Amino acid sequence: MSREEVHPRVRVCAWTSGTDDDRRQGLLGYVALEFGPLALDGVTVRKTAVGRLALSFPSRTDRAGRR
């Protein structure tokens, strides 16, 4: 197993800060990144109630606005 298989490279491609209201509620911003061969977009970066950083993936919304 190669080092790349065990420890995939992570690269931030874009960062968009949340609004002031978002940040007050713990949503710091949105990131697009590459994780090894995967391209991930729309990942949210949040600060939890205990101060830890967390990544979350918003749920899909269909055309009618349903999740």
Protein backbone atom coordinates (compact mmCIF):
# COMPACT_ATOMS: atom_id res chain seq x y z
CA MET A 1 0.00 0.00 0.00
CA SER A 2 1.39 3.40 -0.98
CA ARG A 3 1.48 6.44 1.29
CA GLU A 4 -1.12 8.11 -0.97
CA GLU A 5 -3.55 5.21 -0.39
CA VAL A 6 -3.13 5.40 3.40
CA HIS A 7 -2.98 9.23 3.69
CA PRO A 8 -4.84 10.82 0.76
CA ARG A 9 -3.78 14.34 -0.12
CA VAL A 10 -6.32 17.06 0.75
CA ARG A 11 -6.34 20.29 -1.24
CA VAL A 12 -8.69 23.23 -0.70
CA CYS A 13 -9.82 24.56 -4.08
CA ALA A 14 -12.21 27.32 -2.96
CA TRP A 15 -13.46 28.91 0.26
CA THR A 16 -16.56 31.06 0.71
CA SER A 17 -17.13 32.69 4.10
CA GLY A 18 -20.53 32.52 5.72
CA THR A 19 -22.50 35.68 6.42
CA ASP A 20 -22.28 37.39 9.81
CA ASP A 21 -25.54 35.67 10.80
CA ASP A 22 -24.19 32.29 9.64
CA ARG A 23 -21.01 32.73 11.70
CA ARG A 24 -22.97 33.68 14.82
CA GLN A 25 -24.81 30.36 14.44
CA GLY A 26 -21.58 28.41 13.99
CA LEU A 27 -21.46 28.13 10.18
CA LEU A 28 -18.04 29.51 9.25
CA GLY A 29 -18.25 28.94 5.50
CA TYR A 30 -18.30 26.59 2.55
CA VAL A 31 -15.37 24.75 1.00
CA ALA A 32 -14.67 22.94 -2.25
CA LEU A 33 -11.82 20.46 -1.88
CA GLU A 34 -10.04 17.48 -3.36
CA PHE A 35 -9.61 14.44 -1.12
CA GLY A 36 -7.32 12.08 -2.99
CA PRO A 37 -9.12 11.40 -6.30
CA LEU A 38 -12.48 12.78 -5.05
CA ALA A 39 -13.73 16.31 -5.71
CA LEU A 40 -16.06 17.55 -2.95
CA ASP A 41 -18.05 20.78 -3.24
CA GLY A 42 -20.53 22.53 -0.97
CA VAL A 43 -19.04 21.12 2.23
CA THR A 44 -19.88 23.31 5.23
CA VAL A 45 -17.32 24.17 7.90
CA ARG A 46 -18.94 24.66 11.30
CA LYS A 47 -17.81 25.41 14.83
CA THR A 48 -19.61 23.19 17.34
CA ALA A 49 -21.00 24.33 20.69
CA VAL A 50 -17.82 23.04 22.39
CA GLY A 51 -15.57 24.91 19.93
CA ARG A 52 -14.48 22.04 17.67
CA LEU A 53 -14.40 22.43 13.91
CA ALA A 54 -16.63 20.06 11.95
CA LEU A 55 -17.31 19.36 8.28
CA SER A 56 -20.85 18.59 7.20
CA PHE A 57 -22.47 17.71 3.93
CA PRO A 58 -25.81 19.43 3.27
CA SER A 59 -28.65 17.11 2.30
CA ARG A 60 -29.89 17.10 -1.26
CA THR A 61 -32.91 19.29 -2.04
CA ASP A 62 -35.11 18.40 -5.03
CA ARG A 63 -36.80 20.86 -7.39
CA ALA A 64 -39.83 21.12 -5.08
CA GLY A 65 -37.58 22.10 -2.16
CA ARG A 66 -37.95 18.74 -0.37
CA ARG A 67 -35.04 17.09 1.41
